[in-house]
């Protein structure tokens, strides 16, 4: 996850056609905004894929109804 507000200037070689298409699709006025948008969307997509890959691999045994009742009882006792 991206945290912070540090900027990094960099030089990269990209095909102008790709950048134009990216700017149109992201409705960006600048190349920087278009590339940042694309990177954020890519990272979000990959994070979702990672979570989906965990499906069935994480075993959480909890009785949520029992826990909810306990929380409600605690709330009622404090009111």
N, C-alpha and C. Protein backbone atom coordinates (compact mmCIF):
# COMPACT_ATOMS: atom_id res chain seq x y z
N UNK A 1 0.84 -1.17 0.00
CA UNK A 1 0.00 0.00 0.00
C UNK A 1 0.89 1.23 0.00
N UNK A 2 0.53 2.22 -0.78
CA UNK A 2 1.29 3.45 -0.91
C UNK A 2 0.99 4.36 0.26
N UNK A 3 2.00 4.74 1.01
CA UNK A 3 1.83 5.66 2.12
C UNK A 3 2.90 6.73 1.98
N UNK A 4 2.50 7.97 2.08
CA UNK A 4 3.45 9.05 2.00
C UNK A 4 3.19 9.93 0.79
N UNK A 5 3.93 11.01 0.73
CA UNK A 5 3.72 11.96 -0.34
C UNK A 5 5.04 12.32 -1.01
N UNK A 6 5.94 11.38 -1.07
CA UNK A 6 7.23 11.63 -1.70
C UNK A 6 7.11 11.49 -3.20
N UNK A 7 7.70 12.41 -3.92
CA UNK A 7 7.72 12.34 -5.37
C UNK A 7 9.11 11.93 -5.82
N UNK A 8 9.16 11.21 -6.93
CA UNK A 8 10.44 10.78 -7.46
C UNK A 8 10.45 11.09 -8.95
N UNK A 9 11.38 11.89 -9.36
CA UNK A 9 11.52 12.17 -10.78
C UNK A 9 12.29 11.02 -11.41
N UNK A 10 11.81 10.62 -12.57
CA UNK A 10 12.48 9.52 -13.26
C UNK A 10 12.34 9.70 -14.76
N UNK A 11 13.23 9.11 -15.48
CA UNK A 11 13.16 9.14 -16.93
C UNK A 11 12.94 7.72 -17.42
N UNK A 12 11.87 7.54 -18.18
CA UNK A 12 11.58 6.23 -18.76
C UNK A 12 11.20 6.41 -20.22
N UNK A 13 11.47 5.41 -21.01
CA UNK A 13 11.12 5.45 -22.42
C UNK A 13 9.84 4.66 -22.65
N UNK A 14 8.80 5.38 -23.07
CA UNK A 14 7.50 4.76 -23.33
C UNK A 14 7.04 5.17 -24.72
N UNK A 15 6.27 4.30 -25.33
CA UNK A 15 5.74 4.62 -26.65
C UNK A 15 4.68 5.71 -26.51
N UNK A 16 4.82 6.75 -27.31
CA UNK A 16 3.91 7.89 -27.24
C UNK A 16 2.46 7.47 -27.45
N UNK A 17 2.25 6.50 -28.33
CA UNK A 17 0.89 6.02 -28.60
C UNK A 17 0.26 5.42 -27.33
N UNK A 18 1.06 4.68 -26.57
CA UNK A 18 0.55 4.10 -25.32
C UNK A 18 0.17 5.18 -24.32
N UNK A 19 1.00 6.19 -24.22
CA UNK A 19 0.73 7.28 -23.29
C UNK A 19 -0.52 8.05 -23.71
N UNK A 20 -0.67 8.33 -24.99
CA UNK A 20 -1.87 9.03 -25.48
C UNK A 20 -3.12 8.23 -25.16
N UNK A 21 -3.07 6.91 -25.44
CA UNK A 21 -4.23 6.06 -25.16
C UNK A 21 -4.52 6.03 -23.66
N UNK A 22 -3.48 5.91 -22.87
CA UNK A 22 -3.64 5.89 -21.42
C UNK A 22 -4.26 7.20 -20.92
N UNK A 23 -3.80 8.31 -21.44
CA UNK A 23 -4.34 9.60 -21.02
C UNK A 23 -5.81 9.73 -21.38
N UNK A 24 -6.19 9.21 -22.54
CA UNK A 24 -7.61 9.24 -22.93
C UNK A 24 -8.44 8.36 -22.01
N UNK A 25 -7.96 7.15 -21.78
CA UNK A 25 -8.73 6.20 -20.96
C UNK A 25 -8.85 6.64 -19.51
N UNK A 26 -7.83 7.29 -18.99
CA UNK A 26 -7.87 7.75 -17.60
C UNK A 26 -8.41 9.17 -17.48
N UNK A 27 -8.69 9.78 -18.63
CA UNK A 27 -9.16 11.17 -18.66
C UNK A 27 -8.20 12.09 -17.92
N UNK A 28 -6.91 11.83 -18.12
CA UNK A 28 -5.87 12.61 -17.45
C UNK A 28 -5.40 13.73 -18.35
N UNK A 29 -5.06 14.83 -17.72
CA UNK A 29 -4.52 15.97 -18.47
C UNK A 29 -3.00 15.93 -18.54
N UNK A 30 -2.39 15.15 -17.64
CA UNK A 30 -0.93 15.06 -17.64
C UNK A 30 -0.50 13.61 -17.74
N UNK A 31 0.70 13.43 -18.24
CA UNK A 31 1.26 12.08 -18.33
C UNK A 31 1.47 11.51 -16.93
N UNK A 32 1.91 12.36 -16.03
CA UNK A 32 2.15 11.91 -14.65
C UNK A 32 0.88 11.36 -14.04
N UNK A 33 -0.22 12.09 -14.17
CA UNK A 33 -1.48 11.64 -13.59
C UNK A 33 -1.93 10.33 -14.23
N UNK A 34 -1.78 10.23 -15.54
CA UNK A 34 -2.19 9.01 -16.24
C UNK A 34 -1.39 7.81 -15.76
N UNK A 35 -0.09 7.97 -15.63
CA UNK A 35 0.76 6.86 -15.21
C UNK A 35 0.51 6.51 -13.75
N UNK A 36 0.34 7.51 -12.88
CA UNK A 36 0.03 7.24 -11.48
C UNK A 36 -1.30 6.49 -11.35
N UNK A 37 -2.29 6.90 -12.13
CA UNK A 37 -3.59 6.23 -12.11
C UNK A 37 -3.45 4.78 -12.54
N UNK A 38 -2.70 4.55 -13.61
CA UNK A 38 -2.51 3.19 -14.11
C UNK A 38 -1.78 2.32 -13.09
N UNK A 39 -0.78 2.87 -12.45
CA UNK A 39 -0.02 2.11 -11.45
C UNK A 39 -0.91 1.77 -10.26
N UNK A 40 -1.68 2.74 -9.78
CA UNK A 40 -2.58 2.49 -8.64
C UNK A 40 -3.60 1.41 -8.97
N UNK A 41 -4.20 1.50 -10.17
CA UNK A 41 -5.19 0.51 -10.56
C UNK A 41 -4.57 -0.88 -10.70
N UNK A 42 -3.36 -0.94 -11.24
CA UNK A 42 -2.67 -2.22 -11.39
C UNK A 42 -2.39 -2.84 -10.01
N UNK A 43 -1.88 -2.02 -9.10
CA UNK A 43 -1.56 -2.52 -7.76
C UNK A 43 -2.81 -2.97 -7.02
N UNK A 44 -3.91 -2.24 -7.19
CA UNK A 44 -5.17 -2.64 -6.57
C UNK A 44 -5.65 -3.97 -7.14
N UNK A 45 -5.56 -4.11 -8.46
CA UNK A 45 -5.96 -5.37 -9.11
C UNK A 45 -5.13 -6.54 -8.58
N UNK A 46 -3.83 -6.35 -8.47
CA UNK A 46 -2.96 -7.41 -7.98
C UNK A 46 -3.26 -7.75 -6.52
N UNK A 47 -3.56 -6.75 -5.70
CA UNK A 47 -3.91 -7.00 -4.30
C UNK A 47 -5.18 -7.84 -4.21
N UNK A 48 -6.15 -7.53 -5.06
CA UNK A 48 -7.39 -8.31 -5.08
C UNK A 48 -7.10 -9.74 -5.52
N UNK A 49 -6.27 -9.90 -6.54
CA UNK A 49 -5.90 -11.24 -7.00
C UNK A 49 -5.22 -12.03 -5.89
N UNK A 50 -4.37 -11.36 -5.11
CA UNK A 50 -3.69 -12.03 -3.99
C UNK A 50 -4.70 -12.49 -2.95
N UNK A 51 -5.70 -11.66 -2.66
CA UNK A 51 -6.73 -12.05 -1.70
C UNK A 51 -7.55 -13.21 -2.21
N UNK A 52 -7.90 -13.18 -3.49
CA UNK A 52 -8.66 -14.27 -4.08
C UNK A 52 -7.86 -15.57 -4.02
N UNK A 53 -6.55 -15.47 -4.23
CA UNK A 53 -5.69 -16.66 -4.18
C UNK A 53 -5.68 -17.29 -2.79
N UNK A 54 -5.97 -16.50 -1.76
CA UNK A 54 -6.02 -17.03 -0.40
C UNK A 54 -7.32 -17.76 -0.09
N UNK A 55 -8.28 -17.65 -0.99
CA UNK A 55 -9.58 -18.27 -0.77
C UNK A 55 -9.42 -19.76 -0.48
N UNK A 56 -9.98 -20.17 0.64
CA UNK A 56 -9.91 -21.57 1.04
C UNK A 56 -8.64 -21.95 1.77
N UNK A 57 -7.67 -21.04 1.83
CA UNK A 57 -6.40 -21.34 2.49
C UNK A 57 -6.35 -20.80 3.92
N UNK A 58 -7.27 -19.92 4.25
CA UNK A 58 -7.30 -19.34 5.58
C UNK A 58 -8.49 -19.95 6.32
N UNK A 59 -8.22 -20.51 7.47
CA UNK A 59 -9.26 -21.16 8.25
C UNK A 59 -9.51 -20.34 9.51
N UNK A 60 -10.65 -19.69 9.54
CA UNK A 60 -11.02 -18.90 10.71
C UNK A 60 -12.22 -19.57 11.35
N UNK A 61 -11.99 -20.11 12.51
CA UNK A 61 -13.07 -20.78 13.23
C UNK A 61 -13.58 -19.84 14.31
N UNK A 62 -14.76 -19.32 14.08
CA UNK A 62 -15.36 -18.43 15.06
C UNK A 62 -16.87 -18.56 15.01
N UNK A 63 -17.47 -18.43 16.14
CA UNK A 63 -18.93 -18.44 16.21
C UNK A 63 -19.37 -16.98 16.30
N UNK A 64 -19.59 -16.37 15.15
CA UNK A 64 -19.88 -14.94 15.11
C UNK A 64 -21.18 -14.60 15.82
N UNK A 65 -22.13 -15.52 15.80
CA UNK A 65 -23.40 -15.23 16.49
C UNK A 65 -23.17 -15.11 18.00
N UNK A 66 -22.37 -16.02 18.54
CA UNK A 66 -22.07 -15.99 19.97
C UNK A 66 -21.32 -14.71 20.33
N UNK A 67 -20.37 -14.32 19.50
CA UNK A 67 -19.61 -13.10 19.74
C UNK A 67 -20.51 -11.87 19.65
N UNK A 68 -21.42 -11.87 18.69
CA UNK A 68 -22.34 -10.75 18.54
C UNK A 68 -23.26 -10.63 19.76
N UNK A 69 -23.76 -11.75 20.23
CA UNK A 69 -24.61 -11.74 21.42
C UNK A 69 -23.85 -11.20 22.63
N UNK A 70 -22.60 -11.60 22.78
CA UNK A 70 -21.78 -11.13 23.90
C UNK A 70 -21.57 -9.62 23.80
N UNK A 71 -21.33 -9.12 22.60
CA UNK A 71 -21.15 -7.68 22.42
C UNK A 71 -22.43 -6.93 22.75
N UNK A 72 -23.57 -7.46 22.30
CA UNK A 72 -24.85 -6.81 22.59
C UNK A 72 -25.14 -6.82 24.09
N UNK A 73 -24.86 -7.93 24.75
CA UNK A 73 -25.06 -8.02 26.20
C UNK A 73 -24.19 -6.99 26.92
N UNK A 74 -22.94 -6.89 26.49
CA UNK A 74 -22.02 -5.93 27.10
C UNK A 74 -22.52 -4.51 26.89
N UNK A 75 -23.01 -4.23 25.69
CA UNK A 75 -23.54 -2.90 25.39
C UNK A 75 -24.75 -2.59 26.27
N UNK A 76 -25.66 -3.56 26.39
CA UNK A 76 -26.87 -3.37 27.20
C UNK A 76 -26.52 -3.14 28.67
N UNK A 77 -25.51 -3.82 29.17
CA UNK A 77 -25.11 -3.69 30.57
C UNK A 77 -24.48 -2.33 30.87
N UNK A 78 -23.91 -1.69 29.85
CA UNK A 78 -23.27 -0.39 30.05
C UNK A 78 -24.23 0.77 29.87
N UNK A 79 -25.40 0.52 29.34
CA UNK A 79 -26.36 1.61 29.08
C UNK A 79 -27.27 1.88 30.24
